[in-house]
PDB file of N, CA and C in Angstrom:
ATOM      1  N   MET A   1     -61.451   3.561   2.105  1.00  0.00           N
ATOM      2  CA  MET A   1     -62.768   3.292   1.792  1.00  0.00           C
ATOM      3  C   MET A   1     -64.036   3.118   2.638  1.00  0.00           C
ATOM      4  N   THR A   2     -63.651   2.741   4.058  1.00  0.00           N
ATOM      5  CA  THR A   2     -64.946   2.826   5.144  1.00  0.00           C
ATOM      6  C   THR A   2     -65.120   3.991   5.702  1.00  0.00           C
ATOM      7  N   ASP A   3     -64.195   5.273   5.448  1.00  0.00           N
ATOM      8  CA  ASP A   3     -64.857   6.750   5.805  1.00  0.00           C
ATOM      9  C   ASP A   3     -65.778   6.843   4.660  1.00  0.00           C
ATOM     10  N   PHE A   4     -65.533   6.561   3.538  1.00  0.00           N
ATOM     11  CA  PHE A   4     -66.145   7.132   2.567  1.00  0.00           C
ATOM     12  C   PHE A   4     -67.704   6.115   2.820  1.00  0.00           C
ATOM     13  N   LEU A   5     -67.850   5.308   2.931  1.00  0.00           N
ATOM     14  CA  LEU A   5     -69.151   4.296   3.223  1.00  0.00           C
ATOM     15  C   LEU A   5     -69.843   4.931   4.431  1.00  0.00           C
ATOM     16  N   ASP A   6     -69.097   5.238   5.736  1.00  0.00           N
ATOM     17  CA  ASP A   6     -69.976   5.953   6.768  1.00  0.00           C
ATOM     18  C   ASP A   6     -70.372   7.451   6.426  1.00  0.00           C
ATOM     19  N   LEU A   7     -69.497   7.988   5.250  1.00  0.00           N
ATOM     20  CA  LEU A   7     -69.919   9.424   5.283  1.00  0.00           C
ATOM     21  C   LEU A   7     -71.334   9.362   4.415  1.00  0.00           C
ATOM     22  N   VAL A   8     -71.843   8.247   3.255  1.00  0.00           N
ATOM     23  CA  VAL A   8     -72.512   8.335   2.407  1.00  0.00           C
ATOM     24  C   VAL A   8     -73.887   7.639   3.387  1.00  0.00           C
ATOM     25  N   ARG A   9     -73.599   6.786   4.214  1.00  0.00           N
ATOM     26  CA  ARG A   9     -74.814   6.431   5.339  1.00  0.00           C
ATOM     27  C   ARG A   9     -75.188   7.266   6.382  1.00  0.00           C
ATOM     28  N   ASN A  10     -74.548   8.408   6.686  1.00  0.00           N
ATOM     29  CA  ASN A  10     -74.501   9.251   6.998  1.00  0.00           C
ATOM     30  C   ASN A  10     -75.855  10.265   6.506  1.00  0.00           C
ATOM     31  N   PRO A  11     -77.494  10.098   7.093  1.00  0.00           N
ATOM     32  CA  PRO A  11     -78.318  10.935   6.115  1.00  0.00           C
ATOM     33  C   PRO A  11     -78.602  12.498   6.158  1.00  0.00           C
ATOM     34  N   VAL A  12     -78.000  12.843   6.998  1.00  0.00           N
ATOM     35  CA  VAL A  12     -77.694  14.266   7.282  1.00  0.00           C
ATOM     36  C   VAL A  12     -76.821  15.239   5.939  1.00  0.00           C
ATOM     37  N   PHE A  13     -75.876  14.385   5.881  1.00  0.00           N
ATOM     38  CA  PHE A  13     -74.334  14.721   4.857  1.00  0.00           C
ATOM     39  C   PHE A  13     -75.321  14.149   3.408  1.00  0.00           C
ATOM     40  N   VAL A  14     -76.402  13.474   3.618  1.00  0.00           N
ATOM     41  CA  VAL A  14     -76.788  12.573   1.955  1.00  0.00           C
ATOM     42  C   VAL A  14     -78.038  14.095   1.467  1.00  0.00           C
ATOM     43  N   TYR A  15     -78.783  14.127   2.682  1.00  0.00           N
ATOM     44  CA  TYR A  15     -79.713  15.169   2.805  1.00  0.00           C
ATOM     45  C   TYR A  15     -79.193  16.803   2.320  1.00  0.00           C
ATOM     46  N   GLY A  16     -78.196  17.049   2.687  1.00  0.00           N
ATOM     47  CA  GLY A  16     -77.630  18.124   2.498  1.00  0.00           C
ATOM     48  C   GLY A  16     -77.141  18.331   0.933  1.00  0.00           C
ATOM     49  N   ILE A  17     -76.561  17.266   0.523  1.00  0.00           N
ATOM     50  CA  ILE A  17     -76.267  17.274  -0.669  1.00  0.00           C
ATOM     51  C   ILE A  17     -77.302  17.102  -1.904  1.00  0.00           C
ATOM     52  N   VAL A  18     -78.300  16.648  -1.332  1.00  0.00           N
ATOM     53  CA  VAL A  18     -79.334  16.090  -2.063  1.00  0.00           C
ATOM     54  C   VAL A  18     -80.093  17.852  -2.471  1.00  0.00           C
ATOM     55  N   THR A  19     -80.128  18.288  -1.402  1.00  0.00           N
ATOM     56  CA  THR A  19     -80.955  19.803  -1.215  1.00  0.00           C
ATOM     57  C   THR A  19     -80.217  20.721  -1.920  1.00  0.00           C
ATOM     58  N   LEU A  20     -78.880  20.881  -1.720  1.00  0.00           N
ATOM     59  CA  LEU A  20     -77.924  21.713  -2.745  1.00  0.00           C
ATOM     60  C   LEU A  20     -77.990  21.323  -4.247  1.00  0.00           C
ATOM     61  N   ALA A  21     -78.166  19.963  -4.460  1.00  0.00           N
ATOM     62  CA  ALA A  21     -78.131  19.840  -5.850  1.00  0.00           C
ATOM     63  C   ALA A  21     -79.337  20.223  -6.449  1.00  0.00           C
ATOM     64  N   ILE A  22     -80.500  20.143  -5.735  1.00  0.00           N
ATOM     65  CA  ILE A  22     -81.690  20.722  -6.123  1.00  0.00           C
ATOM     66  C   ILE A  22     -81.829  22.111  -6.280  1.00  0.00           C
ATOM     67  N   LEU A  23     -81.269  22.766  -5.264  1.00  0.00           N
ATOM     68  CA  LEU A  23     -81.382  24.372  -5.364  1.00  0.00           C
ATOM     69  C   LEU A  23     -80.451  24.700  -6.569  1.00  0.00           C
ATOM     70  N   TYR A  24     -79.108  24.296  -6.605  1.00  0.00           N
ATOM     71  CA  TYR A  24     -78.279  24.386  -7.820  1.00  0.00           C
ATOM     72  C   TYR A  24     -78.771  24.270  -9.077  1.00  0.00           C
ATOM     73  N   GLY A  25     -79.297  22.767  -9.261  1.00  0.00           N
ATOM     74  CA  GLY A  25     -80.099  22.305 -10.455  1.00  0.00           C
ATOM     75  C   GLY A  25     -81.189  23.221 -10.925  1.00  0.00           C
ATOM     76  N   ALA A  26     -81.808  23.546 -10.161  1.00  0.00           N
ATOM     77  CA  ALA A  26     -83.404  24.551 -10.215  1.00  0.00           C
ATOM     78  C   ALA A  26     -82.688  25.770 -10.857  1.00  0.00           C
ATOM     79  N   SER A  27     -81.658  26.296 -10.292  1.00  0.00           N
ATOM     80  CA  SER A  27     -81.032  27.547 -10.768  1.00  0.00           C
ATOM     81  C   SER A  27     -80.758  27.482 -12.056  1.00  0.00           C
ATOM     82  N   ALA A  28     -79.674  26.416 -12.189  1.00  0.00           N
ATOM     83  CA  ALA A  28     -79.277  26.200 -13.653  1.00  0.00           C
ATOM     84  C   ALA A  28     -80.191  25.986 -14.625  1.00  0.00           C
ATOM     85  N   ALA A  29     -81.754  25.067 -14.163  1.00  0.00           N
ATOM     86  CA  ALA A  29     -82.436  25.029 -15.072  1.00  0.00           C
ATOM     87  C   ALA A  29     -83.115  26.264 -15.708  1.00  0.00           C
ATOM     88  N   ILE A  30     -83.344  27.344 -14.830  1.00  0.00           N
ATOM     89  CA  ILE A  30     -84.026  28.645 -14.737  1.00  0.00           C
ATOM     90  C   ILE A  30     -82.828  29.518 -15.894  1.00  0.00           C
ATOM     91  N   ALA A  31     -81.489  29.363 -15.608  1.00  0.00           N
ATOM     92  CA  ALA A  31     -80.810  29.851 -16.446  1.00  0.00           C
ATOM     93  C   ALA A  31     -80.757  29.470 -17.823  1.00  0.00           C
ATOM     94  N   LEU A  32     -80.894  28.436 -18.234  1.00  0.00           N
ATOM     95  CA  LEU A  32     -80.632  27.745 -19.286  1.00  0.00           C
ATOM     96  C   LEU A  32     -82.178  27.819 -19.893  1.00  0.00           C
ATOM     97  N   LEU A  33     -83.159  27.895 -19.314  1.00  0.00           N
ATOM     98  CA  LEU A  33     -84.597  28.141 -20.074  1.00  0.00           C
ATOM     99  C   LEU A  33     -84.446  29.860 -20.623  1.00  0.00           C
ATOM    100  N   SER A  34     -83.761  30.632 -19.719  1.00  0.00           N
ATOM    101  CA  SER A  34     -83.829  31.892 -20.109  1.00  0.00           C
ATOM    102  C   SER A  34     -82.664  32.028 -20.818  1.00  0.00           C
ATOM    103  N   GLY A  35     -81.803  31.182 -21.430  1.00  0.00           N
ATOM    104  CA  GLY A  35     -80.836  31.515 -22.361  1.00  0.00           C
ATOM    105  C   GLY A  35     -79.563  32.059 -22.119  1.00  0.00           C
ATOM    106  N   GLU A  36     -79.277  32.118 -20.532  1.00  0.00           N
ATOM    107  CA  GLU A  36     -78.270  32.169 -20.220  1.00  0.00           C
ATOM    108  C   GLU A  36     -76.978  30.925 -19.923  1.00  0.00           C
ATOM    109  N   TYR A  37     -76.606  30.647 -20.951  1.00  0.00           N
ATOM    110  CA  TYR A  37     -75.642  29.446 -20.828  1.00  0.00           C
ATOM    111  C   TYR A  37     -74.430  29.605 -19.823  1.00  0.00           C
ATOM    112  N   ARG A  38     -73.797  30.452 -20.121  1.00  0.00           N
ATOM    113  CA  ARG A  38     -72.638  30.735 -18.915  1.00  0.00           C
ATOM    114  C   ARG A  38     -72.913  30.728 -17.652  1.00  0.00           C
ATOM    115  N   THR A  39     -74.006  31.426 -17.222  1.00  0.00           N
ATOM    116  CA  THR A  39     -74.724  31.543 -15.939  1.00  0.00           C
ATOM    117  C   THR A  39     -74.732  30.103 -15.436  1.00  0.00           C
ATOM    118  N   ALA A  40     -75.442  29.150 -16.487  1.00  0.00           N
ATOM    119  CA  ALA A  40     -75.682  27.930 -15.960  1.00  0.00           C
ATOM    120  C   ALA A  40     -74.396  26.972 -15.765  1.00  0.00           C
ATOM    121  N   GLU A  41     -73.537  27.217 -16.635  1.00  0.00           N
ATOM    122  CA  GLU A  41     -72.544  26.582 -16.300  1.00  0.00           C
ATOM    123  C   GLU A  41     -71.509  27.160 -15.455  1.00  0.00           C
ATOM    124  N   LYS A  42     -71.435  28.338 -14.626  1.00  0.00           N
ATOM    125  CA  LYS A  42     -71.012  28.799 -13.510  1.00  0.00           C
ATOM    126  C   LYS A  42     -71.729  28.228 -12.680  1.00  0.00           C
ATOM    127  N   LEU A  43     -73.295  27.944 -12.521  1.00  0.00           N
ATOM    128  CA  LEU A  43     -74.099  27.581 -11.066  1.00  0.00           C
ATOM    129  C   LEU A  43     -73.506  25.955 -11.050  1.00  0.00           C
ATOM    130  N   ILE A  44     -73.441  25.127 -11.985  1.00  0.00           N
ATOM    131  CA  ILE A  44     -72.890  23.945 -12.064  1.00  0.00           C
ATOM    132  C   ILE A  44     -71.629  23.696 -11.501  1.00  0.00           C
ATOM    133  N   ASN A  45     -70.512  24.207 -12.441  1.00  0.00           N
ATOM    134  CA  ASN A  45     -69.286  24.154 -11.761  1.00  0.00           C
ATOM    135  C   ASN A  45     -69.038  24.797 -10.379  1.00  0.00           C
ATOM    136  N   SER A  46     -69.987  25.716  -9.780  1.00  0.00           N
ATOM    137  CA  SER A  46     -69.930  26.336  -8.513  1.00  0.00           C
ATOM    138  C   SER A  46     -70.305  25.221  -7.190  1.00  0.00           C
ATOM    139  N   TYR A  47     -71.328  24.305  -7.652  1.00  0.00           N
ATOM    140  CA  TYR A  47     -72.071  23.369  -7.181  1.00  0.00           C
ATOM    141  C   TYR A  47     -71.110  22.263  -7.227  1.00  0.00           C
ATOM    142  N   LEU A  48     -70.258  21.815  -8.061  1.00  0.00           N
ATOM    143  CA  LEU A  48     -69.314  20.523  -8.068  1.00  0.00           C
ATOM    144  C   LEU A  48     -68.376  21.094  -7.285  1.00  0.00           C
ATOM    145  N   ASN A  49     -67.794  22.290  -7.143  1.00  0.00           N
ATOM    146  CA  ASN A  49     -66.462  22.829  -6.165  1.00  0.00           C
ATOM    147  C   ASN A  49     -67.014  22.585  -4.699  1.00  0.00           C
ATOM    148  N   ILE A  50     -68.151  23.202  -4.713  1.00  0.00           N
ATOM    149  CA  ILE A  50     -68.918  22.931  -2.967  1.00  0.00           C
ATOM    150  C   ILE A  50     -68.618  21.408  -2.684  1.00  0.00           C
ATOM    151  N   LEU A  51     -69.323  20.381  -3.641  1.00  0.00           N
ATOM    152  CA  LEU A  51     -69.792  18.971  -3.255  1.00  0.00           C
ATOM    153  C   LEU A  51     -67.833  18.346  -3.298  1.00  0.00           C
ATOM    154  N   THR A  52     -66.893  19.115  -3.874  1.00  0.00           N
ATOM    155  CA  THR A  52     -65.604  18.605  -3.621  1.00  0.00           C
ATOM    156  C   THR A  52     -64.776  19.213  -2.665  1.00  0.00           C
ATOM    157  N   MET A  53     -65.169  20.346  -1.749  1.00  0.00           N
ATOM    158  CA  MET A  53     -64.549  20.762  -0.524  1.00  0.00           C
ATOM    159  C   MET A  53     -65.275  20.080   0.355  1.00  0.00           C
ATOM    160  N   LEU A  54     -66.329  19.679   0.493  1.00  0.00           N
ATOM    161  CA  LEU A  54     -67.233  18.912   1.398  1.00  0.00           C
ATOM    162  C   LEU A  54     -66.504  17.552   1.358  1.00  0.00           C
ATOM    163  N   LEU A  55     -66.509  16.875   0.311  1.00  0.00           N
ATOM    164  CA  LEU A  55     -65.763  15.528   0.252  1.00  0.00           C
ATOM    165  C   LEU A  55     -64.483  15.759   0.614  1.00  0.00           C
ATOM    166  N   LEU A  56     -63.492  16.709   0.347  1.00  0.00           N
ATOM    167  CA  LEU A  56     -62.347  16.806   0.856  1.00  0.00           C
ATOM    168  C   LEU A  56     -62.586  16.940   2.381  1.00  0.00           C
ATOM    169  N   SER A  57     -63.167  17.893   3.072  1.00  0.00           N
ATOM    170  CA  SER A  57     -63.042  18.338   4.431  1.00  0.00           C
ATOM    171  C   SER A  57     -63.607  17.061   4.953  1.00  0.00           C
ATOM    172  N   LYS A  58     -64.644  16.108   4.661  1.00  0.00           N
ATOM    173  CA  LYS A  58     -64.672  14.711   5.468  1.00  0.00           C
ATOM    174  C   LYS A  58     -64.210  13.559   5.526  1.00  0.00           C
ATOM    175  N   LEU A  59     -63.438  13.494   4.182  1.00  0.00           N
ATOM    176  CA  LEU A  59     -62.689  12.442   4.108  1.00  0.00           C
ATOM    177  C   LEU A  59     -61.096  12.558   4.564  1.00  0.00           C
ATOM    178  N   THR A  60     -60.659  13.853   4.478  1.00  0.00           N
ATOM    179  CA  THR A  60     -59.176  14.059   4.786  1.00  0.00           C
ATOM    180  C   THR A  60     -59.146  14.906   5.870  1.00  0.00           C
ATOM    181  N   GLY A  61     -59.930  15.746   6.395  1.00  0.00           N
ATOM    182  CA  GLY A  61     -59.873  16.575   7.575  1.00  0.00           C
ATOM    183  C   GLY A  61     -59.034  18.103   7.155  1.00  0.00           C
ATOM    184  N   LEU A  62     -58.885  18.106   5.781  1.00  0.00           N
ATOM    185  CA  LEU A  62     -58.021  19.422   5.411  1.00  0.00           C
ATOM    186  C   LEU A  62     -58.969  20.617   5.707  1.00  0.00           C
ATOM    187  N   PRO A  63     -58.021  22.022   6.203  1.00  0.00           N
ATOM    188  CA  PRO A  63     -58.395  22.931   6.711  1.00  0.00           C
ATOM    189  C   PRO A  63     -59.210  23.468   5.460  1.00  0.00           C
ATOM    190  N   LEU A  64     -60.089  24.244   5.585  1.00  0.00           N
ATOM    191  CA  LEU A  64     -60.939  25.194   4.729  1.00  0.00           C
ATOM    192  C   LEU A  64     -59.932  26.109   3.584  1.00  0.00           C
ATOM    193  N   ALA A  65     -59.006  26.635   4.131  1.00  0.00           N
ATOM    194  CA  ALA A  65     -58.364  27.378   3.427  1.00  0.00           C
ATOM    195  C   ALA A  65     -57.229  26.506   2.274  1.00  0.00           C
ATOM    196  N   LEU A  66     -56.936  25.633   2.564  1.00  0.00           N
ATOM    197  CA  LEU A  66     -56.226  24.497   1.817  1.00  0.00           C
ATOM    198  C   LEU A  66     -57.317  24.055   1.081  1.00  0.00           C
ATOM    199  N   GLN A  67     -58.521  23.384   1.342  1.00  0.00           N
ATOM    200  CA  GLN A  67     -59.563  22.888   0.424  1.00  0.00           C
ATOM    201  C   GLN A  67     -60.276  24.315  -0.621  1.00  0.00           C
ATOM    202  N   ILE A  68     -59.994  25.400  -0.467  1.00  0.00           N
ATOM    203  CA  ILE A  68     -60.292  26.415  -1.225  1.00  0.00           C
ATOM    204  C   ILE A  68     -59.618  26.713  -2.644  1.00  0.00           C
ATOM    205  N   GLN A  69     -58.135  26.202  -2.293  1.00  0.00           N
ATOM    206  CA  GLN A  69     -56.715  26.147  -3.116  1.00  0.00           C
ATOM    207  C   GLN A  69     -57.036  24.818  -3.897  1.00  0.00           C
ATOM    208  N   LEU A  70     -57.170  23.318  -3.385  1.00  0.00           N
ATOM    209  CA  LEU A  70     -57.043  22.280  -4.106  1.00  0.00           C
ATOM    210  C   LEU A  70     -58.518  22.045  -4.720  1.00  0.00           C
ATOM    211  N   ALA A  71     -59.825  22.327  -4.422  1.00  0.00           N
ATOM    212  CA  ALA A  71     -60.936  22.028  -5.241  1.00  0.00           C
ATOM    213  C   ALA A  71     -60.914  21.932  -6.350  1.00  0.00           C
ATOM    214  N   PRO A  72     -60.754  23.161  -7.236  1.00  0.00           N
ATOM    215  CA  PRO A  72     -60.574  23.227  -8.463  1.00  0.00           C
ATOM    216  C   PRO A  72     -59.708  22.576  -9.422  1.00  0.00           C
ATOM    217  N   GLY A  73     -58.745  22.064  -8.735  1.00  0.00           N
ATOM    218  CA  GLY A  73     -57.401  21.086  -9.349  1.00  0.00           C
ATOM    219  C   GLY A  73     -58.251  19.631  -8.791  1.00  0.00           C
ATOM    220  N   VAL A  74     -58.696  19.563  -7.722  1.00  0.00           N
ATOM    221  CA  VAL A  74     -59.213  17.928  -8.064  1.00  0.00           C
ATOM    222  C   VAL A  74     -60.320  17.882  -8.787  1.00  0.00           C
ATOM    223  N   MET A  75     -61.453  18.849  -8.697  1.00  0.00           N
ATOM    224  CA  MET A  75     -62.294  19.023  -9.925  1.00  0.00           C
ATOM    225  C   MET A  75     -61.834  18.653 -11.483  1.00  0.00           C
ATOM    226  N   LEU A  76     -60.687  19.145 -11.695  1.00  0.00           N
ATOM    227  CA  LEU A  76     -60.220  19.285 -12.949  1.00  0.00           C
ATOM    228  C   LEU A  76     -59.915  17.819 -13.312  1.00  0.00           C
ATOM    229  N   VAL A  77     -58.990  17.221 -12.460  1.00  0.00           N
ATOM    230  CA  VAL A  77     -58.521  15.908 -12.144  1.00  0.00           C
ATOM    231  C   VAL A  77     -59.672  14.443 -12.563  1.00  0.00           C
ATOM    232  N   LEU A  78     -60.774  15.157 -11.696  1.00  0.00           N
ATOM    233  CA  LEU A  78     -61.614  14.391 -11.805  1.00  0.00           C
ATOM    234  C   LEU A  78     -62.265  14.084 -13.069  1.00  0.00           C
ATOM    235  N   MET A  79     -62.643  15.287 -13.757  1.00  0.00           N
ATOM    236  CA  MET A  79     -63.499  15.593 -15.097  1.00  0.00           C
ATOM    237  C   MET A  79     -62.350  14.842 -16.194  1.00  0.00           C
ATOM    238  N   GLY A  80     -61.166  14.572 -16.132  1.00  0.00           N
ATOM    239  CA  GLY A  80     -60.257  14.019 -17.013  1.00  0.00           C
ATOM    240  C   GLY A  80     -59.490  14.968 -17.724  1.00  0.00           C
ATOM    241  N   ALA A  81     -59.363  16.573 -17.185  1.00  0.00           N
ATOM    242  CA  ALA A  81     -58.719  17.556 -17.667  1.00  0.00           C
ATOM    243  C   ALA A  81     -57.438  17.542 -17.046  1.00  0.00           C
ATOM    244  N   SER A  82     -56.413  18.164 -17.555  1.00  0.00           N
ATOM    245  CA  SER A  82     -55.306  18.253 -16.578  1.00  0.00           C
ATOM    246  C   SER A  82     -54.415  19.379 -17.031  1.00  0.00           C
TER     247      SER A  82
END
């Protein structure tokens, strides 16, 4: 738990996450307004996968190749799907 608190207190990490959220959110909003619902969903899922991979790398130190394999599964568990 201490590692997570240290991570959240790191302003560079938080600013990076917020910047990505703004960029992906704006892109998803534009896609929604233009009627591209599937594209908006893909953008949101893409952001959540990136966020999961960042958290996995910071908290566990897993290599990138393993994170790419684990991130979608972790997202399914976090969202309640099995």
